[in-house]
Each structure stands twice: as C-alpha cells, then as structure tokens.
Amino acid sequence: MVHNGIEYRDMQLIADSYDITADTFGIKDDKYEGYLVDKVLDKTRMKGTGKWTIQQAAEYLSVAVQLQHLWFLSGLKEERIQAARVFQSGGFGDILGNQRIDKAKLIEDVRRAL
C-alpha cells in the first residue's frame, strides 16, 4: 500500500513536470533573440545527493533482506526446536540464559518502535 502511494505520487510528479516543461518550451528570450530553452546547458554539477540516496537505499535494502530472512526462519518452528536441542547438547544451554523478560515493557517497547 505504501509502495503504491509512492508510485502514484511519482507518476503525478512526472506528469506535472511534463506540463511545466511544455509551457517553458514556449517562452521566448527577447534579450538573446530566441527561445529560453535554447540557453539551457545540458550539464549538471554533482552535489553528492544522488550518491547519498543510493547508499541509503542500499542500507534499507540490506535491512529488508535481513528481515525477509528472519520472517522465513520464523516459519521453521520444528527446525528451530531441533537447533535449540543441538545447542543444549553442545553445552550452550538456553540461548537466552537466565534472563527474565518483562513482557509489559517488551510490549510497550515494540508499540513505541512501531
């Protein structure tokens, strides 16, 4: 749903850009005799924002892949039980140790994180 919302907004931005661009092509530059669009150079400067965007996207993609992997593993209940037995037989005991979990705090932490 979020993806579709972003996609529709992107399409609207593209349509708006074409509409503005079409109007701009018709503007004459009386000072230089000709159309303003002919004075626009076909070059840009790099400010780094494109690179930063790609780096951030790669980080988000990495997290998404990790979450997808964890989601897949959560469905392997029998395999996780067997793995816990292997850990216990190897002398590792309970992976969580003797930790006590405050369920109310955990629920609140998860609620706030979302």
N, C-alpha and C. Protein backbone atom coordinates (compact mmCIF):
# COMPACT_ATOMS: atom_id res chain seq x y z
N MET A 1 0.83 -1.18 0.00
CA MET A 1 0.00 0.00 0.00
C MET A 1 0.88 1.25 0.00
N VAL A 2 1.89 1.28 0.84
CA VAL A 2 2.80 2.42 0.88
C VAL A 2 3.52 2.55 -0.45
N HIS A 3 3.98 1.42 -0.98
CA HIS A 3 4.66 1.42 -2.28
C HIS A 3 3.76 2.02 -3.36
N ASN A 4 2.51 1.61 -3.40
CA ASN A 4 1.58 2.13 -4.41
C ASN A 4 1.38 3.62 -4.24
N GLY A 5 1.28 4.10 -3.00
CA GLY A 5 1.12 5.52 -2.75
C GLY A 5 2.30 6.32 -3.27
N ILE A 6 3.50 5.80 -3.02
CA ILE A 6 4.71 6.47 -3.51
C ILE A 6 4.73 6.44 -5.04
N GLU A 7 4.38 5.29 -5.60
CA GLU A 7 4.39 5.15 -7.06
C GLU A 7 3.41 6.13 -7.71
N TYR A 8 2.19 6.26 -7.16
CA TYR A 8 1.22 7.20 -7.73
C TYR A 8 1.70 8.64 -7.60
N ARG A 9 2.36 8.98 -6.50
CA ARG A 9 2.89 10.33 -6.33
C ARG A 9 4.00 10.59 -7.33
N ASP A 10 4.86 9.59 -7.56
CA ASP A 10 5.91 9.74 -8.56
C ASP A 10 5.32 9.99 -9.94
N MET A 11 4.27 9.25 -10.29
CA MET A 11 3.64 9.44 -11.59
C MET A 11 3.04 10.84 -11.70
N GLN A 12 2.48 11.35 -10.60
CA GLN A 12 1.92 12.70 -10.62
C GLN A 12 3.02 13.73 -10.80
N LEU A 13 4.16 13.52 -10.12
CA LEU A 13 5.29 14.44 -10.27
C LEU A 13 5.80 14.46 -11.71
N ILE A 14 5.86 13.29 -12.33
CA ILE A 14 6.31 13.21 -13.72
C ILE A 14 5.33 13.97 -14.63
N ALA A 15 4.04 13.75 -14.43
CA ALA A 15 3.04 14.46 -15.24
C ALA A 15 3.12 15.96 -15.03
N ASP A 16 3.26 16.40 -13.78
CA ASP A 16 3.38 17.83 -13.50
C ASP A 16 4.64 18.40 -14.16
N SER A 17 5.73 17.66 -14.12
CA SER A 17 6.97 18.13 -14.72
C SER A 17 6.83 18.31 -16.23
N TYR A 18 6.19 17.36 -16.89
CA TYR A 18 5.98 17.49 -18.33
C TYR A 18 5.11 18.69 -18.65
N ASP A 19 4.06 18.91 -17.85
CA ASP A 19 3.16 20.03 -18.08
C ASP A 19 3.92 21.36 -17.95
N ILE A 20 4.72 21.51 -16.88
CA ILE A 20 5.52 22.72 -16.69
C ILE A 20 6.54 22.87 -17.79
N THR A 21 7.19 21.75 -18.17
CA THR A 21 8.21 21.79 -19.21
C THR A 21 7.61 22.23 -20.54
N ALA A 22 6.45 21.73 -20.87
CA ALA A 22 5.80 22.11 -22.14
C ALA A 22 5.56 23.61 -22.18
N ASP A 23 5.13 24.19 -21.07
CA ASP A 23 4.93 25.64 -21.01
C ASP A 23 6.25 26.38 -21.17
N THR A 24 7.31 25.87 -20.56
CA THR A 24 8.61 26.52 -20.58
C THR A 24 9.19 26.56 -22.00
N PHE A 25 8.96 25.53 -22.79
CA PHE A 25 9.49 25.49 -24.15
C PHE A 25 8.97 26.64 -25.01
N GLY A 26 7.84 27.17 -24.67
CA GLY A 26 7.25 28.25 -25.46
C GLY A 26 7.70 29.64 -25.07
N ILE A 27 8.50 29.79 -24.04
CA ILE A 27 8.93 31.11 -23.57
C ILE A 27 10.07 31.63 -24.44
N LYS A 28 9.87 32.83 -24.97
CA LYS A 28 10.91 33.47 -25.79
C LYS A 28 11.77 34.35 -24.90
N ASP A 29 13.04 34.42 -25.27
CA ASP A 29 14.00 35.28 -24.57
C ASP A 29 14.34 36.44 -25.49
N ASP A 30 13.65 37.56 -25.30
CA ASP A 30 13.82 38.71 -26.18
C ASP A 30 15.23 39.30 -26.11
N LYS A 31 15.85 39.20 -24.95
CA LYS A 31 17.18 39.77 -24.78
C LYS A 31 18.19 39.08 -25.70
N TYR A 32 18.07 37.75 -25.82
CA TYR A 32 19.04 36.99 -26.62
C TYR A 32 18.46 36.53 -27.95
N GLU A 33 17.25 36.95 -28.26
CA GLU A 33 16.58 36.58 -29.51
C GLU A 33 16.52 35.07 -29.69
N GLY A 34 15.47 34.50 -29.32
CA GLY A 34 15.27 33.07 -29.45
C GLY A 34 14.51 32.54 -28.25
N TYR A 35 14.45 31.25 -28.14
CA TYR A 35 13.72 30.62 -27.04
C TYR A 35 14.65 30.39 -25.85
N LEU A 36 14.07 30.54 -24.67
CA LEU A 36 14.82 30.37 -23.43
C LEU A 36 15.42 28.97 -23.32
N VAL A 37 14.70 27.97 -23.78
CA VAL A 37 15.15 26.59 -23.67
C VAL A 37 16.47 26.36 -24.41
N ASP A 38 16.70 27.15 -25.44
CA ASP A 38 17.95 27.01 -26.19
C ASP A 38 19.16 27.48 -25.39
N LYS A 39 18.93 28.21 -24.33
CA LYS A 39 20.02 28.71 -23.48
C LYS A 39 20.36 27.76 -22.33
N VAL A 40 19.56 26.72 -22.15
CA VAL A 40 19.78 25.76 -21.07
C VAL A 40 20.90 24.80 -21.46
N LEU A 41 21.89 24.70 -20.61
CA LEU A 41 23.02 23.82 -20.88
C LEU A 41 22.67 22.38 -20.52
N ASP A 42 23.21 21.44 -21.26
CA ASP A 42 22.94 20.03 -20.99
C ASP A 42 24.04 19.43 -20.10
N LYS A 43 24.24 20.06 -18.94
CA LYS A 43 25.22 19.54 -17.99
C LYS A 43 24.74 19.88 -16.58
N THR A 44 25.23 19.11 -15.64
CA THR A 44 24.88 19.33 -14.24
C THR A 44 26.14 19.28 -13.38
N ARG A 45 25.98 19.69 -12.16
CA ARG A 45 27.06 19.56 -11.17
C ARG A 45 26.66 18.48 -10.19
N MET A 46 27.63 17.79 -9.66
CA MET A 46 27.36 16.76 -8.67
C MET A 46 27.47 17.38 -7.27
N LYS A 47 26.40 17.23 -6.48
CA LYS A 47 26.42 17.73 -5.11
C LYS A 47 26.54 16.58 -4.10
N GLY A 48 26.44 15.37 -4.58
CA GLY A 48 26.56 14.22 -3.69
C GLY A 48 25.24 13.63 -3.24
N THR A 49 24.13 14.33 -3.50
CA THR A 49 22.85 13.82 -3.01
C THR A 49 22.44 12.52 -3.69
N GLY A 50 22.78 12.37 -4.98
CA GLY A 50 22.47 11.11 -5.67
C GLY A 50 23.21 9.94 -5.05
N LYS A 51 24.49 10.16 -4.75
CA LYS A 51 25.30 9.12 -4.12
C LYS A 51 24.75 8.77 -2.74
N TRP A 52 24.39 9.81 -1.97
CA TRP A 52 23.85 9.56 -0.64
C TRP A 52 22.54 8.78 -0.72
N THR A 53 21.73 9.11 -1.71
CA THR A 53 20.45 8.42 -1.88
C THR A 53 20.66 6.94 -2.18
N ILE A 54 21.61 6.66 -3.06
CA ILE A 54 21.90 5.27 -3.41
C ILE A 54 22.45 4.51 -2.21
N GLN A 55 23.35 5.15 -1.45
CA GLN A 55 23.91 4.50 -0.26
C GLN A 55 22.80 4.18 0.75
N GLN A 56 21.91 5.14 0.96
CA GLN A 56 20.82 4.94 1.92
C GLN A 56 19.89 3.83 1.44
N ALA A 57 19.60 3.82 0.15
CA ALA A 57 18.74 2.78 -0.42
C ALA A 57 19.37 1.41 -0.23
N ALA A 58 20.69 1.31 -0.43
CA ALA A 58 21.38 0.03 -0.25
C ALA A 58 21.29 -0.44 1.19
N GLU A 59 21.41 0.50 2.14
CA GLU A 59 21.29 0.13 3.55
C GLU A 59 19.88 -0.38 3.86
N TYR A 60 18.87 0.33 3.35
CA TYR A 60 17.49 -0.10 3.58
C TYR A 60 17.22 -1.45 2.94
N LEU A 61 17.77 -1.67 1.76
CA LEU A 61 17.59 -2.95 1.08
C LEU A 61 18.23 -4.06 1.88
N SER A 62 19.40 -3.80 2.44
CA SER A 62 20.09 -4.80 3.25
C SER A 62 19.24 -5.18 4.46
N VAL A 63 18.68 -4.19 5.12
CA VAL A 63 17.81 -4.46 6.27
C VAL A 63 16.58 -5.24 5.83
N ALA A 64 16.00 -4.87 4.69
CA ALA A 64 14.82 -5.57 4.20
C ALA A 64 15.11 -7.03 3.92
N VAL A 65 16.28 -7.30 3.34
CA VAL A 65 16.67 -8.69 3.06
C VAL A 65 16.84 -9.46 4.37
N GLN A 66 17.46 -8.83 5.37
CA GLN A 66 17.64 -9.49 6.67
C GLN A 66 16.29 -9.78 7.31
N LEU A 67 15.37 -8.82 7.24
CA LEU A 67 14.04 -9.04 7.83
C LEU A 67 13.29 -10.14 7.09
N GLN A 68 13.44 -10.18 5.78
CA GLN A 68 12.80 -11.24 4.99
C GLN A 68 13.35 -12.60 5.42
N HIS A 69 14.66 -12.66 5.66
CA HIS A 69 15.29 -13.90 6.10
C HIS A 69 14.75 -14.32 7.47
N LEU A 70 14.64 -13.36 8.38
CA LEU A 70 14.11 -13.66 9.71
C LEU A 70 12.66 -14.10 9.64
N TRP A 71 11.89 -13.45 8.75
CA TRP A 71 10.50 -13.84 8.58
C TRP A 71 10.41 -15.29 8.10
N PHE A 72 11.27 -15.66 7.16
CA PHE A 72 11.30 -17.02 6.66
C PHE A 72 11.66 -18.00 7.78
N LEU A 73 12.69 -17.64 8.57
CA LEU A 73 13.11 -18.53 9.66
C LEU A 73 12.03 -18.70 10.73
N SER A 74 11.22 -17.66 10.92
CA SER A 74 10.17 -17.76 11.94
C SER A 74 9.15 -18.84 11.59
N GLY A 75 9.05 -19.18 10.32
CA GLY A 75 8.12 -20.23 9.91
C GLY A 75 8.68 -21.64 10.08
N LEU A 76 9.94 -21.75 10.43
CA LEU A 76 10.58 -23.06 10.57
C LEU A 76 10.63 -23.49 12.04
N LYS A 77 9.47 -23.61 12.64
CA LYS A 77 9.37 -23.90 14.08
C LYS A 77 10.08 -25.21 14.44
N GLU A 78 9.83 -26.28 13.68
CA GLU A 78 10.43 -27.57 14.00
C GLU A 78 11.96 -27.51 13.92
N GLU A 79 12.46 -26.82 12.89
CA GLU A 79 13.90 -26.69 12.73
C GLU A 79 14.51 -25.87 13.87
N ARG A 80 13.82 -24.84 14.34
CA ARG A 80 14.32 -24.04 15.45
C ARG A 80 14.35 -24.84 16.74
N ILE A 81 13.35 -25.69 16.94
CA ILE A 81 13.33 -26.55 18.14
C ILE A 81 14.51 -27.52 18.09
N GLN A 82 14.75 -28.11 16.92
CA GLN A 82 15.88 -29.03 16.76
C GLN A 82 17.20 -28.31 16.98
N ALA A 83 17.33 -27.09 16.46
CA ALA A 83 18.56 -26.32 16.64
C ALA A 83 18.79 -26.03 18.13
N ALA A 84 17.72 -25.72 18.87
CA ALA A 84 17.85 -25.46 20.30
C ALA A 84 18.36 -26.71 21.02
N ARG A 85 17.89 -27.87 20.59
CA ARG A 85 18.37 -29.13 21.19
C ARG A 85 19.86 -29.32 20.92
N VAL A 86 20.31 -28.98 19.71
CA VAL A 86 21.73 -29.11 19.36
C VAL A 86 22.56 -28.18 20.24
N PHE A 87 22.08 -26.94 20.43
CA PHE A 87 22.80 -26.00 21.30
C PHE A 87 22.89 -26.54 22.72
N GLN A 88 21.77 -27.07 23.23
CA GLN A 88 21.76 -27.59 24.60
C GLN A 88 22.68 -28.80 24.73
N SER A 89 22.68 -29.68 23.73
CA SER A 89 23.53 -30.88 23.82
C SER A 89 25.01 -30.51 23.69
N GLY A 90 25.29 -29.35 23.10
CA GLY A 90 26.67 -28.89 22.96
C GLY A 90 27.16 -28.13 24.17
N GLY A 91 26.32 -28.04 25.20
CA GLY A 91 26.72 -27.38 26.42
C GLY A 91 26.44 -25.88 26.44
N PHE A 92 25.70 -25.42 25.48
CA PHE A 92 25.41 -23.99 25.44
C PHE A 92 24.18 -23.63 26.25
N GLY A 93 23.37 -24.60 26.58
CA GLY A 93 22.18 -24.36 27.39
C GLY A 93 21.18 -23.45 26.69
N ASP A 94 20.42 -22.77 27.49
CA ASP A 94 19.41 -21.86 26.96
C ASP A 94 20.12 -20.65 26.34
N ILE A 95 19.83 -20.38 25.10
CA ILE A 95 20.49 -19.28 24.40
C ILE A 95 20.26 -17.95 25.10
N LEU A 96 19.09 -17.77 25.67
CA LEU A 96 18.79 -16.52 26.37
C LEU A 96 19.37 -16.49 27.77
N GLY A 97 19.91 -17.59 28.23
CA GLY A 97 20.45 -17.63 29.58
C GLY A 97 19.33 -17.59 30.60
N ASN A 98 19.60 -17.01 31.74
CA ASN A 98 18.60 -16.94 32.80
C ASN A 98 17.88 -15.59 32.80
N GLN A 99 17.82 -14.94 31.66
CA GLN A 99 17.18 -13.64 31.58
C GLN A 99 15.68 -13.75 31.84
N ARG A 100 15.18 -12.78 32.57
CA ARG A 100 13.73 -12.68 32.76
C ARG A 100 13.24 -11.57 31.85
N ILE A 101 12.19 -11.82 31.16
CA ILE A 101 11.66 -10.84 30.21
C ILE A 101 10.44 -10.16 30.82
N ASP A 102 10.50 -8.85 30.91
CA ASP A 102 9.37 -8.04 31.37
C ASP A 102 8.43 -7.87 30.18
N LYS A 103 7.38 -8.69 30.12
CA LYS A 103 6.51 -8.70 28.95
C LYS A 103 5.83 -7.35 28.73
N ALA A 104 5.42 -6.70 29.80
CA ALA A 104 4.75 -5.39 29.66
C ALA A 104 5.72 -4.38 29.05
N LYS A 105 6.98 -4.39 29.49
CA LYS A 105 7.97 -3.48 28.93
C LYS A 105 8.27 -3.82 27.48
N LEU A 106 8.37 -5.10 27.16
CA LEU A 106 8.61 -5.53 25.79
C LEU A 106 7.48 -5.06 24.87
N ILE A 107 6.25 -5.25 25.31
CA ILE A 107 5.10 -4.82 24.51
C ILE A 107 5.13 -3.31 24.30
N GLU A 108 5.43 -2.56 25.34
CA GLU A 108 5.50 -1.10 25.23
C GLU A 108 6.65 -0.68 24.31
N ASP A 109 7.78 -1.34 24.42
CA ASP A 109 8.92 -1.03 23.55
C ASP A 109 8.58 -1.28 22.07
N VAL A 110 7.91 -2.37 21.82
CA VAL A 110 7.51 -2.69 20.44
C VAL A 110 6.48 -1.69 19.94
N ARG A 111 5.52 -1.33 20.80
CA ARG A 111 4.49 -0.35 20.42
C ARG A 111 5.14 0.98 20.07
N ARG A 112 6.08 1.41 20.89
CA ARG A 112 6.75 2.71 20.65
C ARG A 112 7.63 2.65 19.40
N ALA A 113 8.24 1.50 19.16
CA ALA A 113 9.09 1.37 17.97
C ALA A 113 8.27 1.47 16.69
N LEU A 114 7.07 0.89 16.74
CA LEU A 114 6.20 0.98 15.56
C LEU A 114 5.66 2.38 15.40
